[in-house]
Amino acid sequence: MTETPVESAEGPPDPASPTRRTALRIIGGAIAAASIGVAGYGSISSAAAGQDLRSSMTIIAPAAAGGGWDTVAREMQQAQKANGLINNVQVVNMPGAGGTIALGNVSMLEGRAGNLLVGGTGLLAATIQYGSAATLDDVTPLAVLFEEYDVIVVPADSPYQTLEELVTAWEEDPKSIPWTGGGSFDQLVVTDLALAAGIDPVDTTYISSDGGGEAIQALLNGTAGAATGGYSDNIDQIESGRLRALALVAEEPVEGIDIPTAREQGYDITLTNWRMLAAPSGISAEETEDLEDLIAETIETPEWRDAIERYHWSERVIVGDELTQFLDDEHARIEVLYEEMGQ
């Protein structure tokens, strides 16, 4: 896939596994982020050490404040504080390399159960994209909480009224329609759609945007002709008439979202942006069970239920053996997409 950069407007694993002690390999430009990660590691390594899990907890968001992972961390913090589930809970932001900086640091907090790492599709994808030394095998996945759906959108004045019309034009000249999206997950969705349509992803043009807002601007100013992005990021522009939604990327129609799925229109693409929580490796079975109980209590609070509705999250809780299989399946699926992209 030809990627055209644009200027950003804002800027249970073996405890002795050597990857837990191996420096994280970072692809160019992440040295500054690495220093942020080291500082963050200092604060989380001292947090909650040797204390009861209900006494102190640190939730690590592997991105800067304001993004999706940060939102999950802070909504969880608020729910736990408001309901007295944890005496002291803090959120630490640790951005860099698609979340793999934070993952690398958490992988070294062996046995420190008082830390929770927010992750999801994007973090799993980043471990593949960047070939990171630390992977989800180096932490203790606890639960997938919910998933967000992408929408395929075009500007309101686009000549394409349906997904079929858009894909037909794209097939005729793959480079003629520049695509964009708010992150690496959105590029995976474009790749999945290309494959479903019989288009070589390498022959398409994808413009990187730094977040959903920048992707929307690229559509509105004509830089991009089509985009994939989170439903919650695009719903206001769709409802205002500035963007036209052509498809929802979901396995089946979603109640309350009046957008036909891509699958209904003949394109079997169903990759979702799911969010999960993980703890460091080396924690006991009892600690794992306690953390799973804490998560179950948190997602039943009124504050968390409100967040589910407010952010248009689609709840999907996956735990235990089902979670292990789910993560294995998603890894294999995303790995294939990166291979198709030539990465």
Protein backbone atom coordinates (compact mmCIF):
# COMPACT_ATOMS: atom_id res chain seq x y z
CA MET A 1 0.00 0.00 0.00
CA THR A 2 1.44 3.37 -0.98
CA GLU A 3 1.40 5.57 2.11
CA THR A 4 1.59 9.33 1.71
CA PRO A 5 2.56 11.17 4.90
CA VAL A 6 0.88 14.43 5.79
CA GLU A 7 2.03 17.05 8.22
CA SER A 8 0.55 16.53 11.68
CA ALA A 9 -1.43 19.31 13.25
CA GLU A 10 -0.38 18.22 16.77
CA GLY A 11 2.35 17.02 16.88
CA PRO A 12 0.40 -17.44 31.98
CA PRO A 13 4.06 -16.67 30.42
CA ASP A 14 7.39 -18.08 31.67
CA PRO A 15 8.59 -15.71 34.42
CA ALA A 16 12.13 -16.18 33.19
CA SER A 17 11.31 -15.20 29.63
CA PRO A 18 14.25 -13.16 28.27
CA THR A 19 11.94 -10.87 26.30
CA ARG A 20 10.86 -9.36 29.57
CA ARG A 21 14.41 -8.11 30.08
CA THR A 22 15.21 -7.27 26.49
CA ALA A 23 15.24 -3.65 25.38
CA LEU A 24 12.27 -2.75 23.21
CA ARG A 25 13.21 -2.35 19.58
CA ILE A 26 11.86 0.98 18.38
CA ILE A 27 11.50 2.03 14.76
CA GLY A 28 12.94 5.46 13.90
CA GLY A 29 11.75 8.58 15.65
CA ALA A 30 10.76 6.97 18.93
CA ILE A 31 13.83 7.80 21.02
CA ALA A 32 12.10 10.74 22.67
CA ALA A 33 9.09 8.58 23.39
CA ALA A 34 11.40 6.03 24.97
CA SER A 35 12.59 8.59 27.51
CA ILE A 36 8.97 9.33 28.39
CA GLY A 37 8.45 5.59 28.84
CA VAL A 38 11.40 5.33 31.25
CA ALA A 39 10.02 8.16 33.38
CA GLY A 40 6.60 6.56 33.40
CA TYR A 41 8.12 3.22 34.31
CA GLY A 42 9.68 4.81 37.39
CA SER A 43 6.32 5.97 38.65
CA ILE A 44 4.40 2.77 37.99
CA SER A 45 7.12 0.44 39.30
CA SER A 46 6.85 2.11 42.70
CA ALA A 47 3.06 2.16 42.70
CA ALA A 48 1.05 -0.47 44.54
CA ALA A 49 4.10 -2.59 45.37
CA GLY A 50 3.34 -5.07 48.13
CA GLN A 51 -0.06 -3.56 48.81
CA ASP A 52 -3.56 -4.97 48.76
CA LEU A 53 -5.09 -4.63 45.31
CA ARG A 54 -7.99 -2.64 46.71
CA SER A 55 -5.61 -0.20 48.37
CA SER A 56 -3.80 1.21 45.36
CA MET A 57 -3.96 0.74 41.61
CA THR A 58 -2.24 2.32 38.62
CA ILE A 59 -3.94 2.23 35.24
CA ILE A 60 -1.51 2.75 32.36
CA ALA A 61 -2.77 4.33 29.16
CA PRO A 62 -0.21 3.59 26.41
CA ALA A 63 -0.90 6.90 24.68
CA ALA A 64 -1.14 10.60 25.37
CA ALA A 65 -4.06 12.18 27.15
CA GLY A 66 -7.22 12.58 25.12
CA GLY A 67 -7.12 9.47 22.99
CA GLY A 68 -9.17 6.30 23.11
CA TRP A 69 -6.90 4.36 25.47
CA ASP A 70 -6.69 7.36 27.81
CA THR A 71 -10.47 7.68 27.79
CA VAL A 72 -10.87 4.04 28.83
CA ALA A 73 -8.33 4.49 31.65
CA ARG A 74 -9.95 7.63 33.01
CA GLU A 75 -13.51 6.34 32.78
CA MET A 76 -12.39 3.23 34.66
CA GLN A 77 -10.61 5.37 37.25
CA GLN A 78 -13.73 7.47 37.77
CA ALA A 79 -15.97 4.41 38.12
CA GLN A 80 -13.66 2.82 40.67
CA LYS A 81 -13.24 5.99 42.71
CA ALA A 82 -16.92 6.92 42.70
CA ASN A 83 -17.92 3.50 43.98
CA GLY A 84 -15.08 2.98 46.46
CA LEU A 85 -13.73 -0.05 44.63
CA ILE A 86 -10.13 1.18 45.04
CA ASN A 87 -8.85 3.51 47.77
CA ASN A 88 -6.32 5.18 45.49
CA VAL A 89 -6.27 4.83 41.73
CA GLN A 90 -4.11 6.85 39.36
CA VAL A 91 -3.79 7.03 35.60
CA VAL A 92 -0.33 7.19 34.00
CA ASN A 93 0.04 8.13 30.34
CA MET A 94 2.94 6.43 28.58
CA PRO A 95 2.80 7.18 24.83
CA GLY A 96 5.06 5.94 22.08
CA ALA A 97 5.42 3.44 19.23
CA GLY A 98 1.75 2.52 19.03
CA GLY A 99 1.63 1.57 22.71
CA THR A 100 4.62 -0.77 22.68
CA ILE A 101 6.66 1.58 24.92
CA ALA A 102 4.12 1.06 27.70
CA LEU A 103 3.82 -2.64 26.93
CA GLY A 104 7.59 -3.03 27.22
CA ASN A 105 7.67 -1.27 30.57
CA VAL A 106 4.72 -3.21 31.99
CA SER A 107 6.34 -6.45 30.84
CA MET A 108 9.16 -5.67 33.31
CA LEU A 109 6.82 -5.18 36.29
CA GLU A 110 6.77 -8.90 37.00
CA GLY A 111 4.55 -9.82 39.93
CA ARG A 112 3.28 -6.27 40.52
CA ALA A 113 -0.45 -6.91 40.36
CA GLY A 114 -1.39 -3.34 41.24
CA ASN A 115 -0.99 -2.19 37.66
CA LEU A 116 -3.43 -2.46 34.77
CA LEU A 117 -2.51 -1.79 31.16
CA VAL A 118 -5.14 -0.60 28.70
CA GLY A 119 -4.70 -2.05 25.22
CA GLY A 120 -6.60 -3.38 22.27
CA THR A 121 -6.49 -3.97 18.54
CA GLY A 122 -4.07 -1.12 17.97
CA LEU A 123 -1.59 -2.35 20.54
CA LEU A 124 -1.67 -5.89 19.17
CA ALA A 125 -1.19 -4.47 15.69
CA ALA A 126 1.75 -2.34 16.82
CA THR A 127 3.61 -5.35 18.20
CA ILE A 128 3.45 -6.81 14.70
CA GLN A 129 4.09 -3.60 12.79
CA TYR A 130 7.12 -2.59 14.89
CA GLY A 131 8.37 -6.12 15.59
CA SER A 132 8.50 -5.22 19.27
CA ALA A 133 10.42 -7.43 21.68
CA ALA A 134 7.55 -7.26 24.17
CA THR A 135 4.24 -8.80 23.10
CA LEU A 136 0.98 -9.68 24.80
CA ASP A 137 2.62 -12.99 25.75
CA ASP A 138 4.75 -10.98 28.20
CA VAL A 139 1.80 -9.67 30.21
CA THR A 140 -1.35 -11.23 31.71
CA PRO A 141 -4.40 -10.43 29.56
CA LEU A 142 -7.48 -10.18 31.76
CA ALA A 143 -10.46 -9.10 29.70
CA VAL A 144 -11.69 -7.52 26.51
CA LEU A 145 -14.24 -4.91 27.58
CA PHE A 146 -15.93 -3.60 24.45
CA GLU A 147 -15.41 -2.92 20.79
CA GLU A 148 -15.84 0.11 18.57
CA TYR A 149 -16.95 -0.07 14.97
CA ASP A 150 -15.41 1.75 12.06
CA VAL A 151 -17.49 3.50 9.44
CA ILE A 152 -16.55 4.06 5.82
CA VAL A 153 -17.27 7.67 4.92
CA VAL A 154 -16.90 10.11 2.04
CA PRO A 155 -17.49 13.87 1.87
CA ALA A 156 -21.09 14.94 1.40
CA ASP A 157 -20.33 16.21 -2.12
CA SER A 158 -18.66 12.93 -3.16
CA PRO A 159 -20.05 11.36 -6.33
CA TYR A 160 -20.20 8.01 -4.53
CA GLN A 161 -23.61 7.34 -3.02
CA THR A 162 -23.01 3.71 -2.08
CA LEU A 163 -20.13 1.48 -1.05
CA GLU A 164 -20.50 -0.40 -4.33
CA GLU A 165 -20.00 2.81 -6.33
CA LEU A 166 -16.92 3.73 -4.31
CA VAL A 167 -15.34 0.29 -4.63
CA THR A 168 -16.10 0.10 -8.37
CA ALA A 169 -14.20 3.34 -8.98
CA TRP A 170 -11.42 2.18 -6.68
CA GLU A 171 -11.08 -1.09 -8.59
CA GLU A 172 -10.79 0.74 -11.91
CA ASP A 173 -7.89 2.87 -10.67
CA PRO A 174 -6.66 1.95 -7.16
CA LYS A 175 -4.46 5.03 -6.86
CA SER A 176 -7.18 7.48 -7.91
CA ILE A 177 -8.95 7.49 -4.54
CA PRO A 178 -6.71 8.52 -1.65
CA TRP A 179 -7.86 6.98 1.61
CA THR A 180 -7.21 8.21 5.12
CA GLY A 181 -7.98 7.25 8.71
CA GLY A 182 -7.18 8.24 12.26
CA GLY A 183 -4.62 5.54 13.02
CA SER A 184 -3.07 2.20 12.17
CA PHE A 185 -6.29 0.32 12.91
CA ASP A 186 -8.13 2.30 10.26
CA GLN A 187 -5.46 1.45 7.70
CA LEU A 188 -5.99 -2.24 8.52
CA VAL A 189 -9.70 -1.79 7.74
CA VAL A 190 -8.86 -0.20 4.37
CA THR A 191 -6.53 -3.12 3.65
CA ASP A 192 -9.24 -5.62 4.58
CA LEU A 193 -11.71 -3.88 2.27
CA ALA A 194 -9.20 -3.85 -0.58
CA LEU A 195 -8.66 -7.58 -0.23
CA ALA A 196 -12.42 -8.22 -0.10
CA ALA A 197 -12.76 -6.24 -3.33
CA GLY A 198 -9.88 -8.00 -5.08
CA ILE A 199 -7.60 -4.94 -4.97
CA ASP A 200 -3.91 -5.28 -4.15
CA PRO A 201 -3.41 -3.11 -1.01
CA VAL A 202 0.07 -2.21 -2.18
CA ASP A 203 -1.45 -0.43 -5.18
CA THR A 204 -3.66 1.88 -3.11
CA THR A 205 -2.90 5.28 -1.66
CA TYR A 206 -3.27 5.75 2.09
CA ILE A 207 -2.66 9.11 3.74
CA SER A 208 -1.66 8.89 7.38
CA SER A 209 -3.59 11.19 9.69
CA ASP A 210 -2.87 11.87 13.33
CA GLY A 211 -6.23 11.07 14.88
CA GLY A 212 -9.83 11.07 13.79
CA GLY A 213 -10.15 14.84 13.70
CA GLU A 214 -7.30 15.24 11.23
CA ALA A 215 -8.70 12.47 9.05
CA ILE A 216 -12.05 14.25 8.89
CA GLN A 217 -10.32 17.48 7.88
CA ALA A 218 -8.48 15.63 5.11
CA LEU A 219 -11.85 14.55 3.76
CA LEU A 220 -13.44 17.97 4.04
CA ASN A 221 -10.55 19.83 2.40
CA GLY A 222 -10.28 17.38 -0.48
CA THR A 223 -6.94 15.83 0.46
CA ALA A 224 -8.61 12.43 0.81
CA GLY A 225 -11.54 10.98 -1.07
CA ALA A 226 -12.65 8.31 1.41
CA ALA A 227 -11.88 7.29 4.95
CA THR A 228 -12.41 4.70 7.63
CA GLY A 229 -12.74 5.85 11.21
CA GLY A 230 -14.42 5.18 14.52
CA TYR A 231 -18.16 5.61 14.58
CA SER A 232 -17.97 7.84 17.65
CA ASP A 233 -15.38 10.08 15.93
CA ASN A 234 -17.53 10.55 12.84
CA ILE A 235 -21.13 10.52 14.03
CA ASP A 236 -21.38 14.30 14.52
CA GLN A 237 -20.14 15.00 10.99
CA ILE A 238 -22.46 12.34 9.57
CA GLU A 239 -25.49 13.73 11.39
CA SER A 240 -24.61 17.29 10.35
CA GLY A 241 -24.53 16.23 6.70
CA ARG A 242 -20.87 17.06 6.11
CA LEU A 243 -19.95 13.39 5.67
CA ARG A 244 -21.85 10.54 4.03
CA ALA A 245 -21.65 7.14 5.71
CA LEU A 246 -21.51 4.29 3.22
CA ALA A 247 -20.97 1.32 5.51
CA LEU A 248 -20.53 0.18 9.09
CA VAL A 249 -17.73 -2.34 9.65
CA ALA A 250 -19.47 -4.87 11.89
CA GLU A 251 -20.47 -8.53 11.79
CA GLU A 252 -24.17 -7.66 11.82
CA PRO A 253 -26.41 -4.58 11.97
CA VAL A 254 -26.13 -2.67 15.24
CA GLU A 255 -29.23 -1.47 17.04
CA GLY A 256 -29.36 2.31 17.07
CA ILE A 257 -26.95 2.77 14.15
CA ASP A 258 -28.81 3.30 10.88
CA ILE A 259 -25.91 2.48 8.58
CA PRO A 260 -25.79 -0.73 6.49
CA THR A 261 -22.85 -3.00 7.22
CA ALA A 262 -20.18 -3.68 4.62
CA ARG A 263 -20.99 -7.37 4.97
CA GLU A 264 -24.62 -6.70 4.01
CA GLN A 265 -23.30 -5.01 0.88
CA GLY A 266 -21.15 -7.94 -0.18
CA TYR A 267 -17.82 -7.07 1.47
CA ASP A 268 -17.06 -9.44 4.36
CA ILE A 269 -14.95 -7.16 6.55
CA THR A 270 -15.58 -7.30 10.29
CA LEU A 271 -12.39 -6.12 12.05
CA THR A 272 -13.32 -4.18 15.19
CA ASN A 273 -11.36 -1.86 17.43
CA TRP A 274 -11.66 -3.76 20.72
CA ARG A 275 -10.27 -2.55 24.05
CA MET A 276 -8.76 -4.75 26.75
CA LEU A 277 -7.02 -4.76 30.13
CA ALA A 278 -3.86 -6.67 31.08
CA ALA A 279 -1.72 -7.00 34.21
CA PRO A 280 2.01 -7.69 34.50
CA SER A 281 3.25 -11.27 34.20
CA GLY A 282 4.20 -13.35 37.21
CA ILE A 283 1.13 -12.59 39.29
CA SER A 284 -0.53 -15.39 41.25
CA ALA A 285 -3.73 -17.18 40.30
CA GLU A 286 -5.40 -15.54 43.31
CA GLU A 287 -4.30 -12.08 42.19
CA THR A 288 -5.53 -12.79 38.69
CA GLU A 289 -8.92 -13.80 40.05
CA ASP A 290 -9.05 -10.70 42.25
CA LEU A 291 -8.31 -8.45 39.27
CA GLU A 292 -10.95 -10.19 37.18
CA ASP A 293 -13.46 -9.61 40.02
CA LEU A 294 -12.46 -5.95 40.20
CA ILE A 295 -12.99 -5.52 36.47
CA ALA A 296 -16.37 -7.24 36.66
CA GLU A 297 -17.44 -4.89 39.46
CA THR A 298 -16.16 -1.83 37.62
CA ILE A 299 -18.05 -2.46 34.40
CA GLU A 300 -21.31 -2.84 36.34
CA THR A 301 -21.09 0.61 37.94
CA PRO A 302 -23.48 3.38 36.82
CA GLU A 303 -20.49 5.49 35.78
CA TRP A 304 -19.14 2.83 33.42
CA ARG A 305 -22.62 2.12 32.03
CA ASP A 306 -22.94 5.82 31.29
CA ALA A 307 -19.59 5.82 29.48
CA ILE A 308 -20.67 2.85 27.35
CA GLU A 309 -23.66 4.85 26.15
CA ARG A 310 -21.92 8.22 25.89
CA TYR A 311 -19.07 6.96 23.70
CA HIS A 312 -21.22 4.57 21.63
CA TRP A 313 -19.12 1.63 22.80
CA SER A 314 -20.50 -1.84 22.01
CA GLU A 315 -19.97 -3.97 25.08
CA ARG A 316 -18.30 -7.31 24.45
CA VAL A 317 -16.69 -8.92 27.50
CA ILE A 318 -14.26 -11.76 26.76
CA VAL A 319 -12.33 -13.52 29.55
CA GLY A 320 -10.57 -16.79 30.38
CA ASP A 321 -9.87 -19.44 27.74
CA GLU A 322 -12.10 -17.61 25.27
CA LEU A 323 -9.86 -14.56 25.60
CA THR A 324 -6.73 -16.60 24.89
CA GLN A 325 -8.25 -18.02 21.71
CA PHE A 326 -9.59 -14.62 20.68
CA LEU A 327 -6.19 -12.97 20.97
CA ASP A 328 -4.51 -15.79 19.03
CA ASP A 329 -7.08 -15.47 16.24
CA GLU A 330 -6.77 -11.68 16.08
CA HIS A 331 -2.97 -11.87 15.97
CA ALA A 332 -3.07 -14.26 13.02
CA ARG A 333 -5.65 -12.12 11.23
CA ILE A 334 -3.78 -8.83 11.68
CA GLU A 335 -0.44 -10.41 10.78
CA VAL A 336 -1.86 -11.44 7.41
CA LEU A 337 -3.13 -7.89 6.79
CA TYR A 338 0.33 -6.44 7.41
CA GLU A 339 1.85 -8.99 5.05
CA GLU A 340 -0.64 -7.93 2.37
CA MET A 341 0.36 -4.31 2.96
CA GLY A 342 3.97 -5.23 2.25
CA GLN A 343 5.11 -4.49 5.79
